[in-house]
Amino acid sequence: MDFKELKKMSVAELNKLLAKYREQTREMRFSINAKQQKNIREIRPVKKTIAHILTLLNNEILRETGKKEEIKK
């Protein structure tokens, strides 16, 4: 999934997508360990997408806490 597409999604959608990709990663790891999957590089784009989602979620958390700190001042 493209980073631009991920930026347009809401936090709830990102959390659902994160759960989906984590489950996909888990299944891929099991299939690689069971020698069912020969191309182990297929897991890389999934892990990168997970990293993109986590980055967006962390930025959103920082943005919210930053706003709360500004209000307290």
PDB file of N, CA and C in Angstrom:
ATOM      1  N   MET A   1       0.839  -1.169   0.000  1.00  0.00           N
ATOM      2  CA  MET A   1       0.000   0.000   0.000  1.00  0.00           C
ATOM      3  C   MET A   1       0.892   1.243   0.000  1.00  0.00           C
ATOM      4  N   ASP A   2       0.493   2.223  -0.731  1.00  0.00           N
ATOM      5  CA  ASP A   2       1.274   3.442  -0.898  1.00  0.00           C
ATOM      6  C   ASP A   2       1.134   4.338   0.341  1.00  0.00           C
ATOM      7  N   PHE A   3       2.209   5.029   0.691  1.00  0.00           N
ATOM      8  CA  PHE A   3       2.230   5.890   1.871  1.00  0.00           C
ATOM      9  C   PHE A   3       1.226   7.025   1.742  1.00  0.00           C
ATOM     10  N   LYS A   4       1.024   7.520   0.534  1.00  0.00           N
ATOM     11  CA  LYS A   4       0.056   8.598   0.305  1.00  0.00           C
ATOM     12  C   LYS A   4      -1.360   8.132   0.637  1.00  0.00           C
ATOM     13  N   GLU A   5      -1.659   6.881   0.284  1.00  0.00           N
ATOM     14  CA  GLU A   5      -2.975   6.325   0.586  1.00  0.00           C
ATOM     15  C   GLU A   5      -3.160   6.163   2.090  1.00  0.00           C
ATOM     16  N   LEU A   6      -2.098   5.760   2.763  1.00  0.00           N
ATOM     17  CA  LEU A   6      -2.173   5.570   4.206  1.00  0.00           C
ATOM     18  C   LEU A   6      -2.390   6.893   4.931  1.00  0.00           C
ATOM     19  N   LYS A   7      -1.801   7.974   4.432  1.00  0.00           N
ATOM     20  CA  LYS A   7      -1.941   9.286   5.059  1.00  0.00           C
ATOM     21  C   LYS A   7      -3.392   9.759   5.063  1.00  0.00           C
ATOM     22  N   LYS A   8      -4.167   9.338   4.088  1.00  0.00           N
ATOM     23  CA  LYS A   8      -5.549   9.780   3.953  1.00  0.00           C
ATOM     24  C   LYS A   8      -6.506   9.036   4.892  1.00  0.00           C
ATOM     25  N   MET A   9      -6.033   7.943   5.497  1.00  0.00           N
ATOM     26  CA  MET A   9      -6.905   7.101   6.318  1.00  0.00           C
ATOM     27  C   MET A   9      -7.027   7.650   7.743  1.00  0.00           C
ATOM     28  N   SER A  10      -8.129   7.281   8.374  1.00  0.00           N
ATOM     29  CA  SER A  10      -8.339   7.688   9.768  1.00  0.00           C
ATOM     30  C   SER A  10      -7.561   6.744  10.688  1.00  0.00           C
ATOM     31  N   VAL A  11      -7.515   7.114  11.956  1.00  0.00           N
ATOM     32  CA  VAL A  11      -6.781   6.310  12.937  1.00  0.00           C
ATOM     33  C   VAL A  11      -7.423   4.932  13.096  1.00  0.00           C
ATOM     34  N   ALA A  12      -8.734   4.877  13.095  1.00  0.00           N
ATOM     35  CA  ALA A  12      -9.436   3.601  13.232  1.00  0.00           C
ATOM     36  C   ALA A  12      -9.134   2.680  12.049  1.00  0.00           C
ATOM     37  N   GLU A  13      -9.141   3.238  10.862  1.00  0.00           N
ATOM     38  CA  GLU A  13      -8.824   2.447   9.663  1.00  0.00           C
ATOM     39  C   GLU A  13      -7.387   1.957   9.706  1.00  0.00           C
ATOM     40  N   LEU A  14      -6.478   2.806  10.179  1.00  0.00           N
ATOM     41  CA  LEU A  14      -5.072   2.410  10.276  1.00  0.00           C
ATOM     42  C   LEU A  14      -4.885   1.282  11.280  1.00  0.00           C
ATOM     43  N   ASN A  15      -5.613   1.327  12.387  1.00  0.00           N
ATOM     44  CA  ASN A  15      -5.511   0.256  13.376  1.00  0.00           C
ATOM     45  C   ASN A  15      -6.016  -1.070  12.829  1.00  0.00           C
ATOM     46  N   LYS A  16      -7.120  -1.030  12.071  1.00  0.00           N
ATOM     47  CA  LYS A  16      -7.640  -2.247  11.445  1.00  0.00           C
ATOM     48  C   LYS A  16      -6.648  -2.804  10.429  1.00  0.00           C
ATOM     49  N   LEU A  17      -6.074  -1.918   9.639  1.00  0.00           N
ATOM     50  CA  LEU A  17      -5.108  -2.322   8.629  1.00  0.00           C
ATOM     51  C   LEU A  17      -3.842  -2.886   9.278  1.00  0.00           C
ATOM     52  N   LEU A  18      -3.436  -2.292  10.378  1.00  0.00           N
ATOM     53  CA  LEU A  18      -2.264  -2.766  11.109  1.00  0.00           C
ATOM     54  C   LEU A  18      -2.485  -4.191  11.613  1.00  0.00           C
ATOM     55  N   ALA A  19      -3.653  -4.453  12.159  1.00  0.00           N
ATOM     56  CA  ALA A  19      -3.966  -5.804  12.631  1.00  0.00           C
ATOM     57  C   ALA A  19      -3.946  -6.805  11.481  1.00  0.00           C
ATOM     58  N   LYS A  20      -4.481  -6.393  10.340  1.00  0.00           N
ATOM     59  CA  LYS A  20      -4.516  -7.270   9.163  1.00  0.00           C
ATOM     60  C   LYS A  20      -3.094  -7.614   8.694  1.00  0.00           C
ATOM     61  N   TYR A  21      -2.243  -6.594   8.604  1.00  0.00           N
ATOM     62  CA  TYR A  21      -0.879  -6.830   8.123  1.00  0.00           C
ATOM     63  C   TYR A  21      -0.038  -7.607   9.134  1.00  0.00           C
ATOM     64  N   ARG A  22      -0.283  -7.404  10.416  1.00  0.00           N
ATOM     65  CA  ARG A  22       0.446  -8.187  11.420  1.00  0.00           C
ATOM     66  C   ARG A  22       0.066  -9.663  11.337  1.00  0.00           C
ATOM     67  N   GLU A  23      -1.215  -9.927  11.124  1.00  0.00           N
ATOM     68  CA  GLU A  23      -1.659 -11.314  10.965  1.00  0.00           C
ATOM     69  C   GLU A  23      -1.055 -11.919   9.705  1.00  0.00           C
ATOM     70  N   GLN A  24      -0.991 -11.154   8.632  1.00  0.00           N
ATOM     71  CA  GLN A  24      -0.400 -11.629   7.381  1.00  0.00           C
ATOM     72  C   GLN A  24       1.089 -11.942   7.580  1.00  0.00           C
ATOM     73  N   THR A  25       1.787 -11.087   8.330  1.00  0.00           N
ATOM     74  CA  THR A  25       3.198 -11.318   8.613  1.00  0.00           C
ATOM     75  C   THR A  25       3.374 -12.598   9.420  1.00  0.00           C
ATOM     76  N   ARG A  26       2.506 -12.781  10.400  1.00  0.00           N
ATOM     77  CA  ARG A  26       2.571 -13.982  11.232  1.00  0.00           C
ATOM     78  C   ARG A  26       2.395 -15.248  10.392  1.00  0.00           C
ATOM     79  N   GLU A  27       1.404 -15.230   9.519  1.00  0.00           N
ATOM     80  CA  GLU A  27       1.155 -16.382   8.651  1.00  0.00           C
ATOM     81  C   GLU A  27       2.332 -16.636   7.715  1.00  0.00           C
ATOM     82  N   MET A  28       2.928 -15.573   7.208  1.00  0.00           N
ATOM     83  CA  MET A  28       4.071 -15.731   6.307  1.00  0.00           C
ATOM     84  C   MET A  28       5.267 -16.328   7.047  1.00  0.00           C
ATOM     85  N   ARG A  29       5.497 -15.883   8.285  1.00  0.00           N
ATOM     86  CA  ARG A  29       6.612 -16.425   9.056  1.00  0.00           C
ATOM     87  C   ARG A  29       6.428 -17.917   9.306  1.00  0.00           C
ATOM     88  N   PHE A  30       5.193 -18.318   9.626  1.00  0.00           N
ATOM     89  CA  PHE A  30       4.934 -19.732   9.851  1.00  0.00           C
ATOM     90  C   PHE A  30       5.129 -20.549   8.578  1.00  0.00           C
ATOM     91  N   SER A  31       4.677 -20.013   7.457  1.00  0.00           N
ATOM     92  CA  SER A  31       4.822 -20.752   6.201  1.00  0.00           C
ATOM     93  C   SER A  31       6.285 -20.830   5.771  1.00  0.00           C
ATOM     94  N   ILE A  32       7.066 -19.797   6.082  1.00  0.00           N
ATOM     95  CA  ILE A  32       8.496 -19.830   5.761  1.00  0.00           C
ATOM     96  C   ILE A  32       9.195 -20.868   6.630  1.00  0.00           C
ATOM     97  N   ASN A  33       8.863 -20.892   7.913  1.00  0.00           N
ATOM     98  CA  ASN A  33       9.492 -21.856   8.817  1.00  0.00           C
ATOM     99  C   ASN A  33       9.093 -23.287   8.515  1.00  0.00           C
ATOM    100  N   ALA A  34       7.903 -23.477   7.962  1.00  0.00           N
ATOM    101  CA  ALA A  34       7.441 -24.818   7.609  1.00  0.00           C
ATOM    102  C   ALA A  34       7.893 -25.214   6.204  1.00  0.00           C
ATOM    103  N   LYS A  35       8.724 -24.374   5.589  1.00  0.00           N
ATOM    104  CA  LYS A  35       9.260 -24.620   4.242  1.00  0.00           C
ATOM    105  C   LYS A  35       8.170 -24.702   3.178  1.00  0.00           C
ATOM    106  N   GLN A  36       7.023 -24.076   3.425  1.00  0.00           N
ATOM    107  CA  GLN A  36       5.952 -24.046   2.438  1.00  0.00           C
ATOM    108  C   GLN A  36       6.146 -22.910   1.444  1.00  0.00           C
ATOM    109  N   GLN A  37       6.843 -21.891   1.877  1.00  0.00           N
ATOM    110  CA  GLN A  37       7.053 -20.723   1.037  1.00  0.00           C
ATOM    111  C   GLN A  37       8.536 -20.642   0.691  1.00  0.00           C
ATOM    112  N   LYS A  38       8.808 -20.531  -0.592  1.00  0.00           N
ATOM    113  CA  LYS A  38      10.204 -20.518  -1.026  1.00  0.00           C
ATOM    114  C   LYS A  38      10.776 -19.108  -1.112  1.00  0.00           C
ATOM    115  N   ASN A  39       9.962 -18.149  -1.478  1.00  0.00           N
ATOM    116  CA  ASN A  39      10.439 -16.778  -1.626  1.00  0.00           C
ATOM    117  C   ASN A  39      10.246 -16.030  -0.310  1.00  0.00           C
ATOM    118  N   ILE A  40      11.314 -15.947   0.473  1.00  0.00           N
ATOM    119  CA  ILE A  40      11.205 -15.320   1.779  1.00  0.00           C
ATOM    120  C   ILE A  40      11.200 -13.797   1.699  1.00  0.00           C
ATOM    121  N   ARG A  41      11.491 -13.249   0.567  1.00  0.00           N
ATOM    122  CA  ARG A  41      11.503 -11.788   0.406  1.00  0.00           C
ATOM    123  C   ARG A  41      10.105 -11.195   0.296  1.00  0.00           C
ATOM    124  N   GLU A  42       9.093 -12.018   0.183  1.00  0.00           N
ATOM    125  CA  GLU A  42       7.726 -11.512   0.083  1.00  0.00           C
ATOM    126  C   GLU A  42       7.278 -10.828   1.372  1.00  0.00           C
ATOM    127  N   ILE A  43       7.957 -11.103   2.459  1.00  0.00           N
ATOM    128  CA  ILE A  43       7.574 -10.528   3.741  1.00  0.00           C
ATOM    129  C   ILE A  43       8.028  -9.071   3.875  1.00  0.00           C
ATOM    130  N   ARG A  44       9.032  -8.671   3.114  1.00  0.00           N
ATOM    131  CA  ARG A  44       9.602  -7.320   3.230  1.00  0.00           C
ATOM    132  C   ARG A  44       8.598  -6.198   3.005  1.00  0.00           C
ATOM    133  N   PRO A  45       7.832  -6.218   1.904  1.00  0.00           N
ATOM    134  CA  PRO A  45       6.889  -5.102   1.709  1.00  0.00           C
ATOM    135  C   PRO A  45       5.809  -5.039   2.789  1.00  0.00           C
ATOM    136  N   VAL A  46       5.438  -6.182   3.335  1.00  0.00           N
ATOM    137  CA  VAL A  46       4.433  -6.201   4.393  1.00  0.00           C
ATOM    138  C   VAL A  46       5.005  -5.530   5.648  1.00  0.00           C
ATOM    139  N   LYS A  47       6.250  -5.850   5.968  1.00  0.00           N
ATOM    140  CA  LYS A  47       6.891  -5.243   7.137  1.00  0.00           C
ATOM    141  C   LYS A  47       7.087  -3.737   6.949  1.00  0.00           C
ATOM    142  N   LYS A  48       7.382  -3.321   5.739  1.00  0.00           N
ATOM    143  CA  LYS A  48       7.534  -1.891   5.460  1.00  0.00           C
ATOM    144  C   LYS A  48       6.205  -1.165   5.614  1.00  0.00           C
ATOM    145  N   THR A  49       5.128  -1.788   5.175  1.00  0.00           N
ATOM    146  CA  THR A  49       3.808  -1.182   5.316  1.00  0.00           C
ATOM    147  C   THR A  49       3.438  -1.051   6.790  1.00  0.00           C
ATOM    148  N   ILE A  50       3.782  -2.066   7.583  1.00  0.00           N
ATOM    149  CA  ILE A  50       3.537  -2.003   9.017  1.00  0.00           C
ATOM    150  C   ILE A  50       4.310  -0.830   9.620  1.00  0.00           C
ATOM    151  N   ALA A  51       5.538  -0.644   9.199  1.00  0.00           N
ATOM    152  CA  ALA A  51       6.349   0.464   9.702  1.00  0.00           C
ATOM    153  C   ALA A  51       5.737   1.811   9.316  1.00  0.00           C
ATOM    154  N   HIS A  52       5.223   1.923   8.107  1.00  0.00           N
ATOM    155  CA  HIS A  52       4.576   3.165   7.673  1.00  0.00           C
ATOM    156  C   HIS A  52       3.341   3.458   8.535  1.00  0.00           C
ATOM    157  N   ILE A  53       2.541   2.423   8.782  1.00  0.00           N
ATOM    158  CA  ILE A  53       1.326   2.601   9.583  1.00  0.00           C
ATOM    159  C   ILE A  53       1.683   3.037  10.996  1.00  0.00           C
ATOM    160  N   LEU A  54       2.677   2.378  11.599  1.00  0.00           N
ATOM    161  CA  LEU A  54       3.090   2.736  12.953  1.00  0.00           C
ATOM    162  C   LEU A  54       3.632   4.160  13.020  1.00  0.00           C
ATOM    163  N   THR A  55       4.340   4.567  11.987  1.00  0.00           N
ATOM    164  CA  THR A  55       4.852   5.934  11.932  1.00  0.00           C
ATOM    165  C   THR A  55       3.705   6.937  11.917  1.00  0.00           C
ATOM    166  N   LEU A  56       2.706   6.684  11.100  1.00  0.00           N
ATOM    167  CA  LEU A  56       1.558   7.592  11.036  1.00  0.00           C
ATOM    168  C   LEU A  56       0.803   7.628  12.361  1.00  0.00           C
ATOM    169  N   LEU A  57       0.626   6.464  12.992  1.00  0.00           N
ATOM    170  CA  LEU A  57      -0.076   6.422  14.269  1.00  0.00           C
ATOM    171  C   LEU A  57       0.704   7.154  15.354  1.00  0.00           C
ATOM    172  N   ASN A  58       2.011   6.978  15.390  1.00  0.00           N
ATOM    173  CA  ASN A  58       2.831   7.680  16.378  1.00  0.00           C
ATOM    174  C   ASN A  58       2.830   9.182  16.147  1.00  0.00           C
ATOM    175  N   ASN A  59       2.851   9.606  14.895  1.00  0.00           N
ATOM    176  CA  ASN A  59       2.772  11.035  14.589  1.00  0.00           C
ATOM    177  C   ASN A  59       1.447  11.625  15.054  1.00  0.00           C
ATOM    178  N   GLU A  60       0.385  10.854  14.891  1.00  0.00           N
ATOM    179  CA  GLU A  60      -0.932  11.321  15.324  1.00  0.00           C
ATOM    180  C   GLU A  60      -0.972  11.445  16.845  1.00  0.00           C
ATOM    181  N   ILE A  61      -0.373  10.502  17.555  1.00  0.00           N
ATOM    182  CA  ILE A  61      -0.325  10.569  19.022  1.00  0.00           C
ATOM    183  C   ILE A  61       0.476  11.784  19.463  1.00  0.00           C
ATOM    184  N   LEU A  62       1.616  12.011  18.824  1.00  0.00           N
ATOM    185  CA  LEU A  62       2.438  13.172  19.174  1.00  0.00           C
ATOM    186  C   LEU A  62       1.716  14.482  18.885  1.00  0.00           C
ATOM    187  N   ARG A  63       0.983  14.502  17.802  1.00  0.00           N
ATOM    188  CA  ARG A  63       0.235  15.709  17.439  1.00  0.00           C
ATOM    189  C   ARG A  63      -0.834  15.995  18.489  1.00  0.00           C
ATOM    190  N   GLU A  64      -1.525  14.937  18.961  1.00  0.00           N
ATOM    191  CA  GLU A  64      -2.569  15.121  19.966  1.00  0.00           C
ATOM    192  C   GLU A  64      -1.979  15.557  21.301  1.00  0.00           C
ATOM    193  N   THR A  65      -0.886  14.950  21.727  1.00  0.00           N
ATOM    194  CA  THR A  65      -0.287  15.326  23.005  1.00  0.00           C
ATOM    195  C   THR A  65       0.314  16.725  22.927  1.00  0.00           C
ATOM    196  N   GLY A  66       0.807  17.086  21.781  1.00  0.00           N
ATOM    197  CA  GLY A  66       1.329  18.440  21.598  1.00  0.00           C
ATOM    198  C   GLY A  66       0.235  19.478  21.757  1.00  0.00           C
ATOM    199  N   LYS A  67      -0.951  19.185  21.239  1.00  0.00           N
ATOM    200  CA  LYS A  67      -2.074  20.097  21.377  1.00  0.00           C
ATOM    201  C   LYS A  67      -2.497  20.222  22.827  1.00  0.00           C
ATOM    202  N   LYS A  68      -2.480  19.106  23.561  1.00  0.00           N
ATOM    203  CA  LYS A  68      -2.873  19.134  24.971  1.00  0.00           C
ATOM    204  C   LYS A  68      -1.881  19.967  25.780  1.00  0.00           C
ATOM    205  N   GLU A  69      -0.608  19.859  25.473  1.00  0.00           N
ATOM    206  CA  GLU A  69       0.403  20.629  26.198  1.00  0.00           C
ATOM    207  C   GLU A  69       0.265  22.115  25.911  1.00  0.00           C
ATOM    208  N   GLU A  70      -0.108  22.472  24.684  1.00  0.00           N
ATOM    209  CA  GLU A  70      -0.305  23.872  24.333  1.00  0.00           C
ATOM    210  C   GLU A  70      -1.486  24.454  25.088  1.00  0.00           C
ATOM    211  N   ILE A  71      -2.523  23.647  25.283  1.00  0.00           N
ATOM    212  CA  ILE A  71      -3.711  24.112  25.994  1.00  0.00           C
ATOM    213  C   ILE A  71      -3.377  24.356  27.461  1.00  0.00           C
ATOM    214  N   LYS A  72      -2.554  23.486  28.053  1.00  0.00           N
ATOM    215  CA  LYS A  72      -2.194  23.625  29.463  1.00  0.00           C
ATOM    216  C   LYS A  72      -1.393  24.887  29.728  1.00  0.00           C
ATOM    217  N   LYS A  73      -0.631  25.356  28.757  1.00  0.00           N
ATOM    218  CA  LYS A  73       0.198  26.552  28.936  1.00  0.00           C
ATOM    219  C   LYS A  73      -0.685  27.738  28.967  1.00  0.00           C
TER     220      LYS A  73
END
